[in-house]
């Protein structure tokens, strides 16, 4: 049975509050809402007077940073407001990170180069700091760090500035640990790999850089351009660019595999029989519905339309629609790793494509009208 989630505007981002079974969404400029993951019923909805510019979920709480410097926390099951805080001088939020539950910290980076940390339960401010100098780094667009309580260094936090500076922090005290200049024209993507305690950076127009999270030492740099998304997993780093997806072995500093973004069905290939669930948000051209297919084949997805209706259809390996097509000019718009089946799911301007994470083997692809802009394992 397919669950359908009707949204009031284009879905910009999705996150899962797993402990309460809520799928939370940021819609349009200023609407935050949540649906029951099983029934598709709307649980709550908040309309803000100013734009929501950063947000994230823990297992049971939704946090949002606003353009006017407000930071709000809501119970993900009920929408009840838990606390409200504000940045210094009303500086707009640019990035938000929720640390491991045991640490209980919520960090926000602002458009004036400031970092703020609050207690995740009470909203009490713990510390604030500056990322570089305000003249050199006017905006901090990325905040990443560990999310699991069993991480080797659960107190680690890393920030990426608009001119390419990466900083390592101690969330417990707000102390700056190290800085690294990555070059390029700002940072396109930043991710943290908990298993190896490394930070991977994709500067705009620069190299893909891996940094030791403990001391800030550069580990390697590779010529990978036009990077849009980064996701780390065990030994591999998955890189989505304008033309495809590649996996890099960061221990041996080499590429493991590379695939075209929209390969269709390779000759003789059959779709995988593995089963999983995904929450899918279509792009703005068919913006009103997200859908989840519980325990369906990875080749199944809901198709959405501007009328907020959805229906399920199944990928058929013999279908002519699955034949090889040119790469979508918009490239990869979304990427998600699904741990229970060890697969990488890629959304483009016209397709959903699934690969095995280990070898990059094609597992299935579907034409999705309007494309896929957000993917969240559910």
Protein backbone atom coordinates (compact mmCIF):
# COMPACT_ATOMS: atom_id res chain seq x y z
CA UNK A 1 0.00 0.00 0.00
CA UNK A 2 1.40 3.36 -1.04
CA UNK A 3 1.45 6.29 1.39
CA UNK A 4 0.87 9.69 -0.20
CA UNK A 5 2.03 12.94 1.38
CA UNK A 6 0.40 16.09 0.02
CA UNK A 7 2.50 19.23 0.38
CA UNK A 8 1.28 22.86 0.06
CA UNK A 9 4.31 23.94 -2.02
CA UNK A 10 7.53 22.66 -3.52
CA UNK A 11 9.30 20.28 -1.12
CA UNK A 12 12.79 21.68 -0.57
CA UNK A 13 14.01 19.11 1.93
CA UNK A 14 12.94 16.02 3.87
CA UNK A 15 14.15 14.43 7.11
CA UNK A 16 13.01 11.48 9.17
CA UNK A 17 12.31 11.60 12.92
CA UNK A 18 12.66 7.86 13.30
CA UNK A 19 11.70 7.47 16.97
CA UNK A 20 8.23 8.95 16.40
CA UNK A 21 7.63 7.74 12.82
CA UNK A 22 7.36 11.25 11.40
CA UNK A 23 8.47 12.40 7.96
CA UNK A 24 9.23 16.12 8.24
CA UNK A 25 9.35 18.48 5.27
CA UNK A 26 10.44 22.00 4.46
CA UNK A 27 8.00 23.32 1.84
CA UNK A 28 8.30 26.56 -0.08
CA UNK A 29 10.10 29.36 1.71
CA UNK A 30 8.63 29.18 5.20
CA UNK A 31 6.44 26.11 5.84
CA UNK A 32 7.58 23.23 8.05
CA UNK A 33 5.27 20.24 8.52
CA UNK A 34 5.25 16.55 9.36
CA UNK A 35 3.34 13.49 8.17
CA UNK A 36 2.79 10.12 9.77
CA UNK A 37 5.19 7.87 7.88
CA UNK A 38 2.73 4.96 7.66
CA UNK A 39 -0.67 6.59 7.10
CA UNK A 40 0.45 9.73 5.27
CA UNK A 41 -1.74 11.87 7.56
CA UNK A 42 -0.44 15.34 8.34
CA UNK A 43 0.60 15.55 12.00
CA UNK A 44 1.27 19.27 12.26
CA UNK A 45 2.22 22.35 10.28
CA UNK A 46 3.96 25.65 11.06
CA UNK A 47 3.95 28.73 8.84
CA UNK A 48 6.76 31.17 9.63
CA UNK A 49 6.71 34.89 8.86
CA UNK A 50 10.26 34.76 7.48
CA UNK A 51 12.06 32.18 5.34
CA UNK A 52 13.44 28.98 6.84
CA UNK A 53 17.07 28.92 5.68
CA UNK A 54 18.46 25.94 7.63
CA UNK A 55 16.94 22.94 9.33
CA UNK A 56 17.51 19.38 10.58
CA UNK A 57 15.87 16.61 12.62
CA UNK A 58 17.01 14.45 15.48
CA UNK A 59 15.18 11.18 16.16
CA UNK A 60 12.29 13.04 17.80
CA UNK A 61 12.75 16.81 17.38
CA UNK A 62 12.67 19.16 14.36
CA UNK A 63 14.93 22.23 14.41
CA UNK A 64 14.71 25.23 12.07
CA UNK A 65 16.89 28.30 11.57
CA UNK A 66 15.24 31.37 10.03
CA UNK A 67 16.37 34.27 7.91
CA UNK A 68 15.76 36.70 10.80
CA UNK A 69 18.06 34.76 13.17
CA UNK A 70 15.34 32.83 15.01
CA UNK A 71 16.04 29.17 15.85
CA UNK A 72 13.05 27.02 16.81
CA UNK A 73 12.68 23.47 18.14
CA UNK A 74 9.44 21.46 17.78
CA UNK A 75 8.36 18.05 18.97
CA UNK A 76 8.39 16.04 15.70
CA UNK A 77 5.32 14.01 16.74
CA UNK A 78 3.03 16.84 17.86
CA UNK A 79 4.56 20.07 16.51
CA UNK A 80 4.62 21.52 20.03
CA UNK A 81 7.16 24.32 20.38
CA UNK A 82 9.92 23.25 22.77
CA UNK A 83 12.04 26.40 22.70
CA UNK A 84 12.98 29.51 20.72
CA UNK A 85 16.45 31.09 20.52
CA UNK A 86 18.05 33.87 18.51
CA UNK A 87 21.44 34.52 16.98
CA UNK A 88 23.49 37.62 17.78
CA UNK A 89 22.10 40.67 16.06
CA UNK A 90 19.47 38.62 14.25
CA UNK A 91 22.03 37.17 11.83
CA UNK A 92 20.30 34.79 9.42
CA UNK A 93 20.90 31.05 9.75
CA UNK A 94 22.83 29.44 6.88
CA UNK A 95 23.48 25.92 8.22
CA UNK A 96 22.28 23.80 11.15
CA UNK A 97 23.72 20.63 12.69
CA UNK A 98 22.28 18.37 15.39
CA UNK A 99 24.97 16.46 17.29
CA UNK A 100 24.70 13.02 18.93
CA UNK A 101 21.94 12.69 21.53
CA UNK A 102 24.42 12.11 24.35
CA UNK A 103 26.09 15.44 23.57
CA UNK A 104 22.77 17.30 23.30
CA UNK A 105 23.98 20.17 21.13
CA UNK A 106 22.40 22.11 18.26
CA UNK A 107 24.76 24.32 16.24
CA UNK A 108 23.86 27.06 13.77
CA UNK A 109 26.11 29.00 11.38
CA UNK A 110 25.05 32.48 10.25
CA UNK A 111 25.42 34.71 7.22
CA UNK A 112 27.84 36.91 9.18
CA UNK A 113 30.37 34.16 9.84
CA UNK A 114 29.27 33.36 13.39
CA UNK A 115 28.68 29.96 15.02
CA UNK A 116 26.22 29.45 17.86
CA UNK A 117 25.67 26.36 20.01
CA UNK A 118 22.57 25.70 22.14
CA UNK A 119 21.50 22.93 24.48
CA UNK A 120 19.25 20.70 22.32
CA UNK A 121 16.80 20.08 25.18
CA UNK A 122 16.44 23.53 26.76
CA UNK A 123 17.64 26.01 24.12
CA UNK A 124 20.15 27.53 26.54
CA UNK A 125 23.12 29.02 24.72
CA UNK A 126 26.40 27.22 25.38
CA UNK A 127 28.87 29.23 23.30
CA UNK A 128 29.41 31.33 20.16
CA UNK A 129 32.46 31.82 17.98
CA UNK A 130 33.67 33.32 14.69
CA UNK A 131 34.55 31.30 11.60
CA UNK A 132 37.66 33.10 10.29
CA UNK A 133 37.32 36.89 10.20
CA UNK A 134 34.05 38.51 9.19
CA UNK A 135 35.86 40.31 6.34
CA UNK A 136 37.28 37.11 4.86
CA UNK A 137 34.43 34.67 5.52
CA UNK A 138 31.08 36.52 5.38
CA UNK A 139 28.99 33.34 5.34
CA UNK A 140 29.27 29.82 6.75
CA UNK A 141 27.23 27.59 4.45
CA UNK A 142 28.08 24.13 5.80
CA UNK A 143 28.11 22.46 9.24
CA UNK A 144 28.81 18.74 9.59
CA UNK A 145 29.81 16.34 12.33
CA UNK A 146 29.03 12.94 13.88
CA UNK A 147 25.43 11.97 14.53
CA UNK A 148 25.94 8.68 16.39
CA UNK A 149 26.61 8.40 20.12
CA UNK A 150 29.23 5.70 19.48
CA UNK A 151 31.34 7.95 17.23
CA UNK A 152 35.03 8.08 18.15
CA UNK A 153 34.80 11.84 18.73
CA UNK A 154 31.10 12.74 19.20
CA UNK A 155 32.08 16.32 20.14
CA UNK A 156 33.63 17.10 16.71
CA UNK A 157 32.14 19.83 14.50
CA UNK A 158 33.32 21.15 11.14
CA UNK A 159 32.33 24.35 9.33
CA UNK A 160 32.83 25.38 5.71
CA UNK A 161 32.90 29.05 4.69
CA UNK A 162 31.88 30.81 1.52
CA UNK A 163 35.49 31.45 0.49
CA UNK A 164 36.80 27.92 1.04
CA UNK A 165 37.99 27.94 4.66
CA UNK A 166 37.25 24.74 6.67
CA UNK A 167 37.44 24.83 10.49
CA UNK A 168 37.45 22.04 13.07
CA UNK A 169 35.77 22.71 16.44
CA UNK A 170 35.18 21.12 19.84
CA UNK A 171 31.42 21.36 20.42
CA UNK A 172 31.84 20.98 24.18
CA UNK A 173 33.72 24.26 24.56
CA UNK A 174 33.55 26.06 21.22
CA UNK A 175 37.34 25.95 20.93
CA UNK A 176 38.81 26.15 17.43
CA UNK A 177 41.00 23.08 16.75
CA UNK A 178 42.37 23.80 13.25
CA UNK A 179 41.77 25.58 9.94
CA UNK A 180 42.43 24.49 6.34
CA UNK A 181 42.26 26.63 3.20
CA UNK A 182 40.84 24.54 0.35
CA UNK A 183 41.04 27.15 -2.42
CA UNK A 184 38.45 27.42 -5.14
CA UNK A 185 35.51 29.83 -5.04
CA UNK A 186 33.74 28.61 -1.94
CA UNK A 187 32.58 25.14 -0.93
CA UNK A 188 29.99 23.20 -2.90
CA UNK A 189 29.71 20.20 -0.57
CA UNK A 190 31.09 19.06 2.78
CA UNK A 191 30.66 15.72 4.54
CA UNK A 192 32.03 13.98 7.64
CA UNK A 193 32.94 10.29 7.73
CA UNK A 194 32.57 9.00 11.28
CA UNK A 195 34.38 5.68 10.81
CA UNK A 196 37.64 7.32 9.70
CA UNK A 197 37.18 10.72 11.38
CA UNK A 198 37.79 12.54 8.09
CA UNK A 199 36.21 15.58 6.46
CA UNK A 200 35.68 15.54 2.70
CA UNK A 201 35.42 18.88 0.90
CA UNK A 202 34.38 19.77 -2.64
CA UNK A 203 35.42 23.39 -3.31
CA UNK A 204 33.78 25.19 -6.21
CA UNK A 205 36.12 24.90 -9.18
CA UNK A 206 38.75 23.07 -7.09
CA UNK A 207 39.88 19.57 -6.16
CA UNK A 208 38.10 17.02 -4.00
CA UNK A 209 39.97 17.21 -0.69
CA UNK A 210 40.07 14.80 2.27
CA UNK A 211 41.16 16.18 5.67
CA UNK A 212 42.08 14.38 8.91
CA UNK A 213 39.33 15.47 11.32
CA UNK A 214 41.60 15.29 14.37
CA UNK A 215 44.47 17.55 13.30
CA UNK A 216 43.41 19.19 10.03
CA UNK A 217 46.06 17.47 7.90
CA UNK A 218 45.30 17.05 4.18
CA UNK A 219 45.17 13.34 3.34
CA UNK A 220 44.66 13.52 -0.42
CA UNK A 221 43.30 15.72 -3.21
CA UNK A 222 41.81 14.56 -6.51
CA UNK A 223 40.72 16.42 -9.65
CA UNK A 224 36.95 15.96 -9.46
CA UNK A 225 35.04 18.99 -10.73
CA UNK A 226 31.42 20.15 -10.71
CA UNK A 227 30.65 18.16 -7.55
CA UNK A 228 27.06 18.54 -6.32
CA UNK A 229 26.71 16.00 -3.50
CA UNK A 230 29.04 14.07 -1.19
CA UNK A 231 28.20 11.08 0.99
CA UNK A 232 30.65 9.01 3.00
CA UNK A 233 30.24 5.33 3.78
CA UNK A 234 32.84 3.07 5.39
CA UNK A 235 35.90 3.10 3.10
CA UNK A 236 34.12 4.69 0.15
CA UNK A 237 33.21 8.30 -0.53
CA UNK A 238 30.33 8.72 -3.00
CA UNK A 239 30.56 11.76 -5.26
CA UNK A 240 27.67 13.04 -7.39
CA UNK A 241 28.60 15.45 -10.15
CA UNK A 242 26.90 17.03 -13.13
CA UNK A 243 27.55 13.94 -15.25
CA UNK A 244 27.37 10.95 -12.94
CA UNK A 245 28.27 9.22 -9.68
CA UNK A 246 31.64 7.86 -8.59
CA UNK A 247 32.92 5.99 -5.54
CA UNK A 248 36.37 6.75 -4.16
CA UNK A 249 38.46 4.47 -1.94
CA UNK A 250 39.80 7.11 0.43
CA UNK A 251 42.16 4.70 2.19
CA UNK A 252 44.01 3.82 -1.03
CA UNK A 253 43.34 7.15 -2.76
CA UNK A 254 41.79 5.72 -5.90
CA UNK A 255 38.45 5.56 -7.70
CA UNK A 256 36.49 2.35 -7.07
CA UNK A 257 33.86 2.84 -9.77
CA UNK A 258 32.14 5.48 -11.87
CA UNK A 259 28.77 5.44 -13.63
CA UNK A 260 26.74 7.69 -15.89
CA UNK A 261 23.99 9.56 -14.03
CA UNK A 262 21.18 8.15 -16.19
CA UNK A 263 22.38 4.90 -17.74
CA UNK A 264 19.03 3.28 -18.38
CA UNK A 265 19.28 -0.51 -18.53
CA UNK A 266 22.69 -1.89 -19.57
CA UNK A 267 22.56 -4.77 -22.03
CA UNK A 268 21.75 -8.04 -20.29
CA UNK A 269 21.18 -6.39 -16.91
CA UNK A 270 18.22 -7.22 -14.72
CA UNK A 271 16.83 -5.12 -11.86
CA UNK A 272 17.71 -6.10 -8.32
CA UNK A 273 15.19 -8.01 -6.22
CA UNK A 274 16.32 -6.28 -3.04
CA UNK A 275 13.60 -4.39 -1.21
CA UNK A 276 13.69 -1.07 0.58
CA UNK A 277 11.72 2.14 1.24
CA UNK A 278 12.30 5.70 0.06
CA UNK A 279 10.67 9.05 0.64
CA UNK A 280 10.74 10.96 -2.63
CA UNK A 281 10.14 14.65 -3.31
CA UNK A 282 9.66 15.57 -6.97
CA UNK A 283 11.17 18.71 -8.47
CA UNK A 284 9.20 21.93 -8.73
CA UNK A 285 7.54 21.01 -12.02
CA UNK A 286 5.54 18.32 -10.18
CA UNK A 287 5.94 19.58 -6.71
CA UNK A 288 3.00 18.69 -4.55
CA UNK A 289 3.44 15.10 -3.52
CA UNK A 290 6.02 12.98 -1.75
CA UNK A 291 5.52 9.24 -1.50
CA UNK A 292 6.84 6.19 0.26
CA UNK A 293 6.54 2.60 -0.92
CA UNK A 294 6.99 0.36 2.14
CA UNK A 295 8.94 -2.83 1.45
CA UNK A 296 8.70 -2.58 -2.32
CA UNK A 297 11.26 -3.55 -4.93
CA UNK A 298 13.88 -0.87 -5.44
CA UNK A 299 12.42 -0.48 -8.93
CA UNK A 300 9.13 0.84 -7.55
CA UNK A 301 8.30 4.46 -6.89
CA UNK A 302 5.27 6.72 -6.87
CA UNK A 303 4.67 9.06 -9.76
CA UNK A 304 3.49 12.56 -8.84
CA UNK A 305 1.62 15.29 -10.66
CA UNK A 306 0.79 18.93 -10.02
CA UNK A 307 -2.68 17.82 -8.89
CA UNK A 308 -1.21 16.21 -5.79
CA UNK A 309 -2.25 12.75 -6.86
CA UNK A 310 0.09 9.77 -6.94
CA UNK A 311 0.10 6.25 -8.26
CA UNK A 312 2.53 3.36 -8.18
CA UNK A 313 4.14 1.75 -11.18
CA UNK A 314 6.77 -0.96 -11.39
CA UNK A 315 10.01 -0.94 -13.37
CA UNK A 316 10.00 -3.67 -16.02
CA UNK A 317 13.46 -4.67 -17.35
CA UNK A 318 11.87 -5.42 -20.72
CA UNK A 319 10.23 -2.00 -20.97
CA UNK A 320 11.55 0.08 -23.85
CA UNK A 321 11.42 3.13 -21.58
CA UNK A 322 14.39 1.70 -19.73
CA UNK A 323 16.63 1.83 -22.79
CA UNK A 324 19.78 3.93 -22.60
CA UNK A 325 19.23 7.69 -22.75
CA UNK A 326 21.60 10.67 -22.73
CA UNK A 327 22.55 12.06 -19.33
CA UNK A 328 20.04 14.60 -18.07
CA UNK A 329 21.53 18.05 -18.55
CA UNK A 330 20.69 19.00 -14.95
CA UNK A 331 22.73 16.10 -13.65
CA UNK A 332 22.30 14.64 -10.17
CA UNK A 333 19.87 16.55 -7.95
CA UNK A 334 19.69 14.11 -5.01
CA UNK A 335 21.61 11.13 -3.64
CA UNK A 336 20.92 8.81 -0.71
CA UNK A 337 22.52 5.65 0.66
CA UNK A 338 20.10 2.94 1.83
CA UNK A 339 21.97 0.94 4.45
CA UNK A 340 19.68 -2.09 4.79
CA UNK A 341 20.19 -3.04 1.13
CA UNK A 342 23.65 -1.44 0.60
CA UNK A 343 22.54 0.68 -2.35
CA UNK A 344 23.02 4.20 -3.66
CA UNK A 345 19.88 5.90 -5.00
CA UNK A 346 20.31 8.84 -7.36
CA UNK A 347 17.66 11.36 -8.38
CA UNK A 348 18.03 13.46 -11.52
CA UNK A 349 15.86 15.88 -13.45
CA UNK A 350 14.04 12.96 -15.06
CA UNK A 351 14.96 9.66 -13.35
CA UNK A 352 15.45 7.64 -10.20
CA UNK A 353 18.47 5.33 -10.62
CA UNK A 354 19.69 2.67 -8.17
CA UNK A 355 23.21 1.18 -7.94
CA UNK A 356 24.93 -1.34 -5.70
CA UNK A 357 27.17 0.63 -3.37
CA UNK A 358 30.06 -1.83 -3.43
CA UNK A 359 30.67 -2.17 -7.17
CA UNK A 360 28.44 0.43 -8.80
CA UNK A 361 26.33 -2.25 -10.49
CA UNK A 362 23.12 -0.89 -12.00
CA UNK A 363 20.04 -2.25 -10.22
CA UNK A 364 17.14 -0.37 -11.79
CA UNK A 365 15.98 2.97 -13.16
CA UNK A 366 12.67 4.72 -13.62
CA UNK A 367 11.54 7.77 -15.56
CA UNK A 368 9.92 10.13 -13.03
CA UNK A 369 7.94 13.03 -14.54
CA UNK A 370 9.31 16.25 -13.12
CA UNK A 371 12.40 14.49 -11.79
CA UNK A 372 13.48 13.82 -8.19
CA UNK A 373 14.96 16.60 -6.06
CA UNK A 374 15.02 14.95 -2.59
CA UNK A 375 15.62 11.35 -1.47
CA UNK A 376 15.45 10.12 2.12
CA UNK A 377 15.73 6.45 3.25
CA UNK A 378 12.56 5.65 5.15
